[in-house]
ModelCIF file with pLDDT and N, C-alpha, C, O atoms, coordinates in Angstrom:
data_MODEL
#
_entry.id   MODEL 
#
_entity.id                         1 
_entity.type                       polymer 
_entity.pdbx_number_of_molecules   1 
#
_entity_poly.entity_id                      1 
_entity_poly.type                           'polypeptide(L)' 
_entity_poly.nstd_linkage                   no 
_entity_poly.nstd_monomer                   no 
_entity_poly.pdbx_seq_one_letter_code       
;(UNK)(UNK)(UNK)(UNK)(UNK)(UNK)(UNK)(UNK)(UNK)(UNK)(UNK)(UNK)(UNK)(UNK)(UNK)(UNK)
(UNK)(UNK)(UNK)(UNK)(UNK)(UNK)(UNK)(UNK)(UNK)(UNK)(UNK)(UNK)(UNK)(UNK)(UNK)(UNK)
(UNK)(UNK)(UNK)(UNK)(UNK)(UNK)(UNK)(UNK)(UNK)(UNK)(UNK)(UNK)(UNK)(UNK)
;
_entity_poly.pdbx_seq_one_letter_code_can   XXXXXXXXXXXXXXXXXXXXXXXXXXXXXXXXXXXXXXXXXXXXXX 
_entity_poly.pdbx_strand_id                 A 
#
loop_
_entity_poly_seq.entity_id 
_entity_poly_seq.num 
_entity_poly_seq.mon_id 
_entity_poly_seq.hetero 
1 1  UNK n 
1 2  UNK n 
1 3  UNK n 
1 4  UNK n 
1 5  UNK n 
1 6  UNK n 
1 7  UNK n 
1 8  UNK n 
1 9  UNK n 
1 10 UNK n 
1 11 UNK n 
1 12 UNK n 
1 13 UNK n 
1 14 UNK n 
1 15 UNK n 
1 16 UNK n 
1 17 UNK n 
1 18 UNK n 
1 19 UNK n 
1 20 UNK n 
1 21 UNK n 
1 22 UNK n 
1 23 UNK n 
1 24 UNK n 
1 25 UNK n 
1 26 UNK n 
1 27 UNK n 
1 28 UNK n 
1 29 UNK n 
1 30 UNK n 
1 31 UNK n 
1 32 UNK n 
1 33 UNK n 
1 34 UNK n 
1 35 UNK n 
1 36 UNK n 
1 37 UNK n 
1 38 UNK n 
1 39 UNK n 
1 40 UNK n 
1 41 UNK n 
1 42 UNK n 
1 43 UNK n 
1 44 UNK n 
1 45 UNK n 
1 46 UNK n 
#
_struct_asym.id          A 
_struct_asym.entity_id   1 
#
loop_
_ma_qa_metric.id 
_ma_qa_metric.mode 
_ma_qa_metric.name 
_ma_qa_metric.software_group_id 
_ma_qa_metric.type 
1 global pLDDT . pLDDT 
2 local  pLDDT . pLDDT 
#
_ma_qa_metric_global.metric_id      1 
_ma_qa_metric_global.metric_value   92.26 
_ma_qa_metric_global.model_id       1 
_ma_qa_metric_global.ordinal_id     1 
#
loop_
_ma_qa_metric_local.label_asym_id 
_ma_qa_metric_local.label_comp_id 
_ma_qa_metric_local.label_seq_id 
_ma_qa_metric_local.metric_id 
_ma_qa_metric_local.metric_value 
_ma_qa_metric_local.model_id 
_ma_qa_metric_local.ordinal_id 
A UNK 1  2 93.00 1 1  
A UNK 2  2 91.00 1 2  
A UNK 3  2 87.00 1 3  
A UNK 4  2 83.00 1 4  
A UNK 5  2 80.00 1 5  
A UNK 6  2 83.00 1 6  
A UNK 7  2 88.00 1 7  
A UNK 8  2 90.00 1 8  
A UNK 9  2 91.00 1 9  
A UNK 10 2 94.00 1 10 
A UNK 11 2 95.00 1 11 
A UNK 12 2 97.00 1 12 
A UNK 13 2 97.00 1 13 
A UNK 14 2 97.00 1 14 
A UNK 15 2 95.00 1 15 
A UNK 16 2 91.00 1 16 
A UNK 17 2 88.00 1 17 
A UNK 18 2 92.00 1 18 
A UNK 19 2 91.00 1 19 
A UNK 20 2 93.00 1 20 
A UNK 21 2 92.00 1 21 
A UNK 22 2 92.00 1 22 
A UNK 23 2 95.00 1 23 
A UNK 24 2 96.00 1 24 
A UNK 25 2 93.00 1 25 
A UNK 26 2 95.00 1 26 
A UNK 27 2 96.00 1 27 
A UNK 28 2 95.00 1 28 
A UNK 29 2 94.00 1 29 
A UNK 30 2 94.00 1 30 
A UNK 31 2 93.00 1 31 
A UNK 32 2 92.00 1 32 
A UNK 33 2 90.00 1 33 
A UNK 34 2 88.00 1 34 
A UNK 35 2 90.00 1 35 
A UNK 36 2 88.00 1 36 
A UNK 37 2 89.00 1 37 
A UNK 38 2 89.00 1 38 
A UNK 39 2 93.00 1 39 
A UNK 40 2 96.00 1 40 
A UNK 41 2 97.00 1 41 
A UNK 42 2 98.00 1 42 
A UNK 43 2 98.00 1 43 
A UNK 44 2 97.00 1 44 
A UNK 45 2 95.00 1 45 
A UNK 46 2 93.00 1 46 
#
loop_
_atom_site.group_PDB 
_atom_site.id 
_atom_site.type_symbol 
_atom_site.label_atom_id 
_atom_site.label_alt_id 
_atom_site.label_comp_id 
_atom_site.label_asym_id 
_atom_site.label_entity_id 
_atom_site.label_seq_id 
_atom_site.pdbx_PDB_ins_code 
_atom_site.Cartn_x 
_atom_site.Cartn_y 
_atom_site.Cartn_z 
_atom_site.occupancy 
_atom_site.B_iso_or_equiv 
_atom_site.pdbx_formal_charge 
_atom_site.auth_seq_id 
_atom_site.auth_comp_id 
_atom_site.auth_asym_id 
_atom_site.auth_atom_id 
_atom_site.pdbx_PDB_model_num 
ATOM 1   N N  . UNK A 1 1  ? -31.148 -15.427 -23.995 1.00 93.00 ? 1  UNK A N  1 
ATOM 2   C CA . UNK A 1 1  ? -32.320 -15.907 -25.160 1.00 93.00 ? 1  UNK A CA 1 
ATOM 3   C C  . UNK A 1 1  ? -30.546 -15.585 -25.755 1.00 93.00 ? 1  UNK A C  1 
ATOM 4   O O  . UNK A 1 1  ? -30.350 -16.136 -26.838 1.00 93.00 ? 1  UNK A O  1 
ATOM 5   N N  . UNK A 1 2  ? -29.847 -15.144 -25.445 1.00 91.00 ? 2  UNK A N  1 
ATOM 6   C CA . UNK A 1 2  ? -28.592 -15.354 -26.010 1.00 91.00 ? 2  UNK A CA 1 
ATOM 7   C C  . UNK A 1 2  ? -27.835 -16.186 -25.596 1.00 91.00 ? 2  UNK A C  1 
ATOM 8   O O  . UNK A 1 2  ? -27.297 -16.697 -26.579 1.00 91.00 ? 2  UNK A O  1 
ATOM 9   N N  . UNK A 1 3  ? -27.354 -16.774 -24.386 1.00 87.00 ? 3  UNK A N  1 
ATOM 10  C CA . UNK A 1 3  ? -26.866 -17.645 -23.932 1.00 87.00 ? 3  UNK A CA 1 
ATOM 11  C C  . UNK A 1 3  ? -27.330 -18.634 -23.655 1.00 87.00 ? 3  UNK A C  1 
ATOM 12  O O  . UNK A 1 3  ? -26.785 -19.210 -22.714 1.00 87.00 ? 3  UNK A O  1 
ATOM 13  N N  . UNK A 1 4  ? -28.714 -19.422 -24.403 1.00 83.00 ? 4  UNK A N  1 
ATOM 14  C CA . UNK A 1 4  ? -29.308 -20.225 -23.861 1.00 83.00 ? 4  UNK A CA 1 
ATOM 15  C C  . UNK A 1 4  ? -29.321 -21.555 -22.661 1.00 83.00 ? 4  UNK A C  1 
ATOM 16  O O  . UNK A 1 4  ? -30.338 -22.103 -22.235 1.00 83.00 ? 4  UNK A O  1 
ATOM 17  N N  . UNK A 1 5  ? -27.811 -21.894 -22.251 1.00 80.00 ? 5  UNK A N  1 
ATOM 18  C CA . UNK A 1 5  ? -27.097 -22.983 -21.727 1.00 80.00 ? 5  UNK A CA 1 
ATOM 19  C C  . UNK A 1 5  ? -26.810 -22.017 -20.321 1.00 80.00 ? 5  UNK A C  1 
ATOM 20  O O  . UNK A 1 5  ? -26.048 -22.378 -19.424 1.00 80.00 ? 5  UNK A O  1 
ATOM 21  N N  . UNK A 1 6  ? -27.452 -20.927 -20.314 1.00 83.00 ? 6  UNK A N  1 
ATOM 22  C CA . UNK A 1 6  ? -26.719 -20.616 -18.355 1.00 83.00 ? 6  UNK A CA 1 
ATOM 23  C C  . UNK A 1 6  ? -28.049 -19.825 -18.578 1.00 83.00 ? 6  UNK A C  1 
ATOM 24  O O  . UNK A 1 6  ? -28.847 -19.674 -19.503 1.00 83.00 ? 6  UNK A O  1 
ATOM 25  N N  . UNK A 1 7  ? -27.899 -19.364 -17.207 1.00 88.00 ? 7  UNK A N  1 
ATOM 26  C CA . UNK A 1 7  ? -28.794 -18.574 -16.136 1.00 88.00 ? 7  UNK A CA 1 
ATOM 27  C C  . UNK A 1 7  ? -28.566 -17.041 -16.207 1.00 88.00 ? 7  UNK A C  1 
ATOM 28  O O  . UNK A 1 7  ? -27.670 -16.820 -15.393 1.00 88.00 ? 7  UNK A O  1 
ATOM 29  N N  . UNK A 1 8  ? -28.945 -15.878 -16.787 1.00 90.00 ? 8  UNK A N  1 
ATOM 30  C CA . UNK A 1 8  ? -28.620 -14.578 -16.163 1.00 90.00 ? 8  UNK A CA 1 
ATOM 31  C C  . UNK A 1 8  ? -29.049 -13.806 -15.819 1.00 90.00 ? 8  UNK A C  1 
ATOM 32  O O  . UNK A 1 8  ? -29.310 -13.073 -16.772 1.00 90.00 ? 8  UNK A O  1 
ATOM 33  N N  . UNK A 1 9  ? -29.619 -13.047 -14.182 1.00 91.00 ? 9  UNK A N  1 
ATOM 34  C CA . UNK A 1 9  ? -29.458 -11.983 -14.138 1.00 91.00 ? 9  UNK A CA 1 
ATOM 35  C C  . UNK A 1 9  ? -29.228 -10.698 -13.888 1.00 91.00 ? 9  UNK A C  1 
ATOM 36  O O  . UNK A 1 9  ? -28.178 -10.207 -13.473 1.00 91.00 ? 9  UNK A O  1 
ATOM 37  N N  . UNK A 1 10 ? -30.648 -9.934  -14.256 1.00 94.00 ? 10 UNK A N  1 
ATOM 38  C CA . UNK A 1 10 ? -29.948 -8.162  -14.246 1.00 94.00 ? 10 UNK A CA 1 
ATOM 39  C C  . UNK A 1 10 ? -30.431 -7.620  -13.018 1.00 94.00 ? 10 UNK A C  1 
ATOM 40  O O  . UNK A 1 10 ? -31.483 -7.844  -12.418 1.00 94.00 ? 10 UNK A O  1 
ATOM 41  N N  . UNK A 1 11 ? -29.392 -6.802  -12.729 1.00 95.00 ? 11 UNK A N  1 
ATOM 42  C CA . UNK A 1 11 ? -29.840 -6.095  -11.618 1.00 95.00 ? 11 UNK A CA 1 
ATOM 43  C C  . UNK A 1 11 ? -29.734 -4.627  -12.176 1.00 95.00 ? 11 UNK A C  1 
ATOM 44  O O  . UNK A 1 11 ? -28.770 -4.097  -12.729 1.00 95.00 ? 11 UNK A O  1 
ATOM 45  N N  . UNK A 1 12 ? -30.993 -4.098  -11.884 1.00 97.00 ? 12 UNK A N  1 
ATOM 46  C CA . UNK A 1 12 ? -31.040 -2.201  -11.759 1.00 97.00 ? 12 UNK A CA 1 
ATOM 47  C C  . UNK A 1 12 ? -30.331 -1.441  -11.307 1.00 97.00 ? 12 UNK A C  1 
ATOM 48  O O  . UNK A 1 12 ? -31.202 -1.223  -10.465 1.00 97.00 ? 12 UNK A O  1 
ATOM 49  N N  . UNK A 1 13 ? -29.650 -0.865  -11.060 1.00 97.00 ? 13 UNK A N  1 
ATOM 50  C CA . UNK A 1 13 ? -28.732 -0.139  -10.298 1.00 97.00 ? 13 UNK A CA 1 
ATOM 51  C C  . UNK A 1 13 ? -28.678 1.510   -10.642 1.00 97.00 ? 13 UNK A C  1 
ATOM 52  O O  . UNK A 1 13 ? -27.814 2.129   -10.021 1.00 97.00 ? 13 UNK A O  1 
ATOM 53  N N  . UNK A 1 14 ? -29.421 2.187   -11.462 1.00 97.00 ? 14 UNK A N  1 
ATOM 54  C CA . UNK A 1 14 ? -29.942 3.249   -11.885 1.00 97.00 ? 14 UNK A CA 1 
ATOM 55  C C  . UNK A 1 14 ? -30.636 4.097   -11.138 1.00 97.00 ? 14 UNK A C  1 
ATOM 56  O O  . UNK A 1 14 ? -31.866 4.036   -11.116 1.00 97.00 ? 14 UNK A O  1 
ATOM 57  N N  . UNK A 1 15 ? -29.929 5.030   -10.403 1.00 95.00 ? 15 UNK A N  1 
ATOM 58  C CA . UNK A 1 15 ? -30.729 5.847   -9.718  1.00 95.00 ? 15 UNK A CA 1 
ATOM 59  C C  . UNK A 1 15 ? -30.916 7.544   -9.652  1.00 95.00 ? 15 UNK A C  1 
ATOM 60  O O  . UNK A 1 15 ? -29.936 8.171   -9.251  1.00 95.00 ? 15 UNK A O  1 
ATOM 61  N N  . UNK A 1 16 ? -32.053 8.253   -10.005 1.00 91.00 ? 16 UNK A N  1 
ATOM 62  C CA . UNK A 1 16 ? -32.061 9.178   -10.933 1.00 91.00 ? 16 UNK A CA 1 
ATOM 63  C C  . UNK A 1 16 ? -31.424 10.346  -10.121 1.00 91.00 ? 16 UNK A C  1 
ATOM 64  O O  . UNK A 1 16 ? -31.493 10.605  -8.920  1.00 91.00 ? 16 UNK A O  1 
ATOM 65  N N  . UNK A 1 17 ? -30.588 11.159  -11.460 1.00 88.00 ? 17 UNK A N  1 
ATOM 66  C CA . UNK A 1 17 ? -29.499 11.895  -11.713 1.00 88.00 ? 17 UNK A CA 1 
ATOM 67  C C  . UNK A 1 17 ? -28.078 11.526  -10.871 1.00 88.00 ? 17 UNK A C  1 
ATOM 68  O O  . UNK A 1 17 ? -27.615 12.223  -9.968  1.00 88.00 ? 17 UNK A O  1 
ATOM 69  N N  . UNK A 1 18 ? -27.587 10.461  -11.300 1.00 92.00 ? 18 UNK A N  1 
ATOM 70  C CA . UNK A 1 18 ? -26.451 9.528   -10.641 1.00 92.00 ? 18 UNK A CA 1 
ATOM 71  C C  . UNK A 1 18 ? -26.104 9.841   -12.399 1.00 92.00 ? 18 UNK A C  1 
ATOM 72  O O  . UNK A 1 18 ? -26.758 9.710   -13.434 1.00 92.00 ? 18 UNK A O  1 
ATOM 73  N N  . UNK A 1 19 ? -24.515 10.384  -12.014 1.00 91.00 ? 19 UNK A N  1 
ATOM 74  C CA . UNK A 1 19 ? -23.270 10.992  -13.116 1.00 91.00 ? 19 UNK A CA 1 
ATOM 75  C C  . UNK A 1 19 ? -22.382 9.519   -13.093 1.00 91.00 ? 19 UNK A C  1 
ATOM 76  O O  . UNK A 1 19 ? -22.417 8.300   -12.925 1.00 91.00 ? 19 UNK A O  1 
ATOM 77  N N  . UNK A 1 20 ? -21.902 10.221  -13.279 1.00 93.00 ? 20 UNK A N  1 
ATOM 78  C CA . UNK A 1 20 ? -20.259 9.107   -13.388 1.00 93.00 ? 20 UNK A CA 1 
ATOM 79  C C  . UNK A 1 20 ? -19.582 9.175   -11.872 1.00 93.00 ? 20 UNK A C  1 
ATOM 80  O O  . UNK A 1 20 ? -19.714 8.098   -11.290 1.00 93.00 ? 20 UNK A O  1 
ATOM 81  N N  . UNK A 1 21 ? -19.154 9.799   -11.393 1.00 92.00 ? 21 UNK A N  1 
ATOM 82  C CA . UNK A 1 21 ? -18.797 9.554   -10.195 1.00 92.00 ? 21 UNK A CA 1 
ATOM 83  C C  . UNK A 1 21 ? -19.907 8.894   -8.977  1.00 92.00 ? 21 UNK A C  1 
ATOM 84  O O  . UNK A 1 21 ? -19.678 8.213   -7.978  1.00 92.00 ? 21 UNK A O  1 
ATOM 85  N N  . UNK A 1 22 ? -21.042 9.370   -9.490  1.00 92.00 ? 22 UNK A N  1 
ATOM 86  C CA . UNK A 1 22 ? -21.653 7.996   -8.200  1.00 92.00 ? 22 UNK A CA 1 
ATOM 87  C C  . UNK A 1 22 ? -21.694 6.777   -8.713  1.00 92.00 ? 22 UNK A C  1 
ATOM 88  O O  . UNK A 1 22 ? -21.931 5.734   -8.104  1.00 92.00 ? 22 UNK A O  1 
ATOM 89  N N  . UNK A 1 23 ? -21.450 6.923   -9.894  1.00 95.00 ? 23 UNK A N  1 
ATOM 90  C CA . UNK A 1 23 ? -21.943 5.239   -10.652 1.00 95.00 ? 23 UNK A CA 1 
ATOM 91  C C  . UNK A 1 23 ? -20.400 4.589   -9.500  1.00 95.00 ? 23 UNK A C  1 
ATOM 92  O O  . UNK A 1 23 ? -20.346 3.994   -8.424  1.00 95.00 ? 23 UNK A O  1 
ATOM 93  N N  . UNK A 1 24 ? -19.237 5.188   -10.606 1.00 96.00 ? 24 UNK A N  1 
ATOM 94  C CA . UNK A 1 24 ? -18.423 5.103   -9.951  1.00 96.00 ? 24 UNK A CA 1 
ATOM 95  C C  . UNK A 1 24 ? -17.880 4.385   -8.548  1.00 96.00 ? 24 UNK A C  1 
ATOM 96  O O  . UNK A 1 24 ? -17.210 3.366   -8.380  1.00 96.00 ? 24 UNK A O  1 
ATOM 97  N N  . UNK A 1 25 ? -18.532 5.482   -7.476  1.00 93.00 ? 25 UNK A N  1 
ATOM 98  C CA . UNK A 1 25 ? -18.526 5.166   -6.439  1.00 93.00 ? 25 UNK A CA 1 
ATOM 99  C C  . UNK A 1 25 ? -19.418 4.247   -5.781  1.00 93.00 ? 25 UNK A C  1 
ATOM 100 O O  . UNK A 1 25 ? -19.272 3.798   -4.645  1.00 93.00 ? 25 UNK A O  1 
ATOM 101 N N  . UNK A 1 26 ? -20.576 3.944   -6.777  1.00 95.00 ? 26 UNK A N  1 
ATOM 102 C CA . UNK A 1 26 ? -21.237 2.511   -6.309  1.00 95.00 ? 26 UNK A CA 1 
ATOM 103 C C  . UNK A 1 26 ? -20.390 1.456   -6.824  1.00 95.00 ? 26 UNK A C  1 
ATOM 104 O O  . UNK A 1 26 ? -19.463 0.882   -6.253  1.00 95.00 ? 26 UNK A O  1 
ATOM 105 N N  . UNK A 1 27 ? -20.585 1.385   -7.316  1.00 96.00 ? 27 UNK A N  1 
ATOM 106 C CA . UNK A 1 27 ? -19.439 0.259   -8.144  1.00 96.00 ? 27 UNK A CA 1 
ATOM 107 C C  . UNK A 1 27 ? -18.099 0.142   -7.028  1.00 96.00 ? 27 UNK A C  1 
ATOM 108 O O  . UNK A 1 27 ? -18.151 -0.881  -6.344  1.00 96.00 ? 27 UNK A O  1 
ATOM 109 N N  . UNK A 1 28 ? -17.269 0.776   -6.837  1.00 95.00 ? 28 UNK A N  1 
ATOM 110 C CA . UNK A 1 28 ? -16.713 0.805   -5.561  1.00 95.00 ? 28 UNK A CA 1 
ATOM 111 C C  . UNK A 1 28 ? -16.632 0.077   -4.498  1.00 95.00 ? 28 UNK A C  1 
ATOM 112 O O  . UNK A 1 28 ? -15.899 -0.864  -4.197  1.00 95.00 ? 28 UNK A O  1 
ATOM 113 N N  . UNK A 1 29 ? -17.972 0.941   -3.638  1.00 94.00 ? 29 UNK A N  1 
ATOM 114 C CA . UNK A 1 29 ? -18.489 0.540   -2.497  1.00 94.00 ? 29 UNK A CA 1 
ATOM 115 C C  . UNK A 1 29 ? -18.649 -0.905  -2.587  1.00 94.00 ? 29 UNK A C  1 
ATOM 116 O O  . UNK A 1 29 ? -18.037 -1.642  -1.814  1.00 94.00 ? 29 UNK A O  1 
ATOM 117 N N  . UNK A 1 30 ? -19.578 -1.438  -3.648  1.00 94.00 ? 30 UNK A N  1 
ATOM 118 C CA . UNK A 1 30 ? -20.197 -2.328  -3.858  1.00 94.00 ? 30 UNK A CA 1 
ATOM 119 C C  . UNK A 1 30 ? -19.019 -4.084  -3.719  1.00 94.00 ? 30 UNK A C  1 
ATOM 120 O O  . UNK A 1 30 ? -19.258 -5.112  -3.085  1.00 94.00 ? 30 UNK A O  1 
ATOM 121 N N  . UNK A 1 31 ? -17.756 -3.712  -4.650  1.00 93.00 ? 31 UNK A N  1 
ATOM 122 C CA . UNK A 1 31 ? -16.542 -4.637  -4.451  1.00 93.00 ? 31 UNK A CA 1 
ATOM 123 C C  . UNK A 1 31 ? -16.353 -4.579  -3.378  1.00 93.00 ? 31 UNK A C  1 
ATOM 124 O O  . UNK A 1 31 ? -16.156 -5.712  -2.940  1.00 93.00 ? 31 UNK A O  1 
ATOM 125 N N  . UNK A 1 32 ? -16.258 -3.387  -2.186  1.00 92.00 ? 32 UNK A N  1 
ATOM 126 C CA . UNK A 1 32 ? -15.567 -3.252  -1.435  1.00 92.00 ? 32 UNK A CA 1 
ATOM 127 C C  . UNK A 1 32 ? -16.561 -4.477  -0.100  1.00 92.00 ? 32 UNK A C  1 
ATOM 128 O O  . UNK A 1 32 ? -15.996 -5.160  0.754   1.00 92.00 ? 32 UNK A O  1 
ATOM 129 N N  . UNK A 1 33 ? -18.156 -4.396  -0.349  1.00 90.00 ? 33 UNK A N  1 
ATOM 130 C CA . UNK A 1 33 ? -18.571 -5.409  0.500   1.00 90.00 ? 33 UNK A CA 1 
ATOM 131 C C  . UNK A 1 33 ? -18.431 -6.513  -0.082  1.00 90.00 ? 33 UNK A C  1 
ATOM 132 O O  . UNK A 1 33 ? -18.754 -7.518  0.552   1.00 90.00 ? 33 UNK A O  1 
ATOM 133 N N  . UNK A 1 34 ? -18.170 -6.587  -0.773  1.00 88.00 ? 34 UNK A N  1 
ATOM 134 C CA . UNK A 1 34 ? -17.501 -8.384  -1.405  1.00 88.00 ? 34 UNK A CA 1 
ATOM 135 C C  . UNK A 1 34 ? -18.422 -9.006  -2.780  1.00 88.00 ? 34 UNK A C  1 
ATOM 136 O O  . UNK A 1 34 ? -18.667 -10.162 -3.126  1.00 88.00 ? 34 UNK A O  1 
ATOM 137 N N  . UNK A 1 35 ? -18.800 -7.653  -3.376  1.00 90.00 ? 35 UNK A N  1 
ATOM 138 C CA . UNK A 1 35 ? -19.580 -8.106  -5.036  1.00 90.00 ? 35 UNK A CA 1 
ATOM 139 C C  . UNK A 1 35 ? -18.311 -8.109  -5.881  1.00 90.00 ? 35 UNK A C  1 
ATOM 140 O O  . UNK A 1 35 ? -17.281 -7.444  -5.993  1.00 90.00 ? 35 UNK A O  1 
ATOM 141 N N  . UNK A 1 36 ? -19.125 -9.628  -6.643  1.00 88.00 ? 36 UNK A N  1 
ATOM 142 C CA . UNK A 1 36 ? -18.328 -10.086 -7.769  1.00 88.00 ? 36 UNK A CA 1 
ATOM 143 C C  . UNK A 1 36 ? -19.392 -10.108 -8.887  1.00 88.00 ? 36 UNK A C  1 
ATOM 144 O O  . UNK A 1 36 ? -19.740 -11.284 -8.996  1.00 88.00 ? 36 UNK A O  1 
ATOM 145 N N  . UNK A 1 37 ? -20.024 -9.387  -9.711  1.00 89.00 ? 37 UNK A N  1 
ATOM 146 C CA . UNK A 1 37 ? -21.021 -9.526  -10.268 1.00 89.00 ? 37 UNK A CA 1 
ATOM 147 C C  . UNK A 1 37 ? -20.105 -10.266 -11.553 1.00 89.00 ? 37 UNK A C  1 
ATOM 148 O O  . UNK A 1 37 ? -18.877 -10.278 -11.471 1.00 89.00 ? 37 UNK A O  1 
ATOM 149 N N  . UNK A 1 38 ? -20.628 -10.717 -12.424 1.00 89.00 ? 38 UNK A N  1 
ATOM 150 C CA . UNK A 1 38 ? -20.184 -11.662 -13.747 1.00 89.00 ? 38 UNK A CA 1 
ATOM 151 C C  . UNK A 1 38 ? -20.269 -10.266 -15.154 1.00 89.00 ? 38 UNK A C  1 
ATOM 152 O O  . UNK A 1 38 ? -20.336 -10.573 -16.344 1.00 89.00 ? 38 UNK A O  1 
ATOM 153 N N  . UNK A 1 39 ? -20.247 -8.928  -14.702 1.00 93.00 ? 39 UNK A N  1 
ATOM 154 C CA . UNK A 1 39 ? -20.169 -7.802  -15.731 1.00 93.00 ? 39 UNK A CA 1 
ATOM 155 C C  . UNK A 1 39 ? -21.135 -6.880  -15.038 1.00 93.00 ? 39 UNK A C  1 
ATOM 156 O O  . UNK A 1 39 ? -22.005 -7.137  -14.206 1.00 93.00 ? 39 UNK A O  1 
ATOM 157 N N  . UNK A 1 40 ? -20.691 -5.504  -15.700 1.00 96.00 ? 40 UNK A N  1 
ATOM 158 C CA . UNK A 1 40 ? -21.200 -4.306  -15.191 1.00 96.00 ? 40 UNK A CA 1 
ATOM 159 C C  . UNK A 1 40 ? -20.922 -3.340  -15.956 1.00 96.00 ? 40 UNK A C  1 
ATOM 160 O O  . UNK A 1 40 ? -19.802 -2.965  -16.304 1.00 96.00 ? 40 UNK A O  1 
ATOM 161 N N  . UNK A 1 41 ? -22.700 -2.596  -16.444 1.00 97.00 ? 41 UNK A N  1 
ATOM 162 C CA . UNK A 1 41 ? -22.515 -1.924  -17.130 1.00 97.00 ? 41 UNK A CA 1 
ATOM 163 C C  . UNK A 1 41 ? -23.180 -0.584  -16.960 1.00 97.00 ? 41 UNK A C  1 
ATOM 164 O O  . UNK A 1 41 ? -24.222 -0.483  -16.313 1.00 97.00 ? 41 UNK A O  1 
ATOM 165 N N  . UNK A 1 42 ? -22.332 0.906   -17.786 1.00 98.00 ? 42 UNK A N  1 
ATOM 166 C CA . UNK A 1 42 ? -22.869 2.030   -17.328 1.00 98.00 ? 42 UNK A CA 1 
ATOM 167 C C  . UNK A 1 42 ? -23.176 2.732   -18.393 1.00 98.00 ? 42 UNK A C  1 
ATOM 168 O O  . UNK A 1 42 ? -22.437 3.390   -19.126 1.00 98.00 ? 42 UNK A O  1 
ATOM 169 N N  . UNK A 1 43 ? -24.080 2.591   -18.428 1.00 98.00 ? 43 UNK A N  1 
ATOM 170 C CA . UNK A 1 43 ? -25.372 4.215   -19.160 1.00 98.00 ? 43 UNK A CA 1 
ATOM 171 C C  . UNK A 1 43 ? -24.576 5.297   -18.867 1.00 98.00 ? 43 UNK A C  1 
ATOM 172 O O  . UNK A 1 43 ? -24.745 5.734   -17.729 1.00 98.00 ? 43 UNK A O  1 
ATOM 173 N N  . UNK A 1 44 ? -23.654 5.938   -19.632 1.00 97.00 ? 44 UNK A N  1 
ATOM 174 C CA . UNK A 1 44 ? -23.877 7.442   -19.131 1.00 97.00 ? 44 UNK A CA 1 
ATOM 175 C C  . UNK A 1 44 ? -23.716 8.801   -20.159 1.00 97.00 ? 44 UNK A C  1 
ATOM 176 O O  . UNK A 1 44 ? -24.060 8.503   -21.303 1.00 97.00 ? 44 UNK A O  1 
ATOM 177 N N  . UNK A 1 45 ? -23.284 10.189  -20.024 1.00 95.00 ? 45 UNK A N  1 
ATOM 178 C CA . UNK A 1 45 ? -24.287 10.497  -20.779 1.00 95.00 ? 45 UNK A CA 1 
ATOM 179 C C  . UNK A 1 45 ? -24.610 12.106  -20.623 1.00 95.00 ? 45 UNK A C  1 
ATOM 180 O O  . UNK A 1 45 ? -23.897 13.106  -20.705 1.00 95.00 ? 45 UNK A O  1 
ATOM 181 N N  . UNK A 1 46 ? -26.054 11.892  -20.354 1.00 93.00 ? 46 UNK A N  1 
ATOM 182 C CA . UNK A 1 46 ? -26.896 13.410  -19.906 1.00 93.00 ? 46 UNK A CA 1 
ATOM 183 C C  . UNK A 1 46 ? -26.930 13.732  -19.102 1.00 93.00 ? 46 UNK A C  1 
ATOM 184 O O  . UNK A 1 46 ? -27.532 14.784  -18.884 1.00 93.00 ? 46 UNK A O  1 
#
């Protein structure tokens, strides 16, 4: 809705009990596989 002229797909890569280390490792792993997302979002804290 915000960017009306482009089409965006959001991938849910949340994994139960994952914390900062696991999320960073997953991000790095996907980059090594050749993934180039348009943006990445991390939600951390608990």
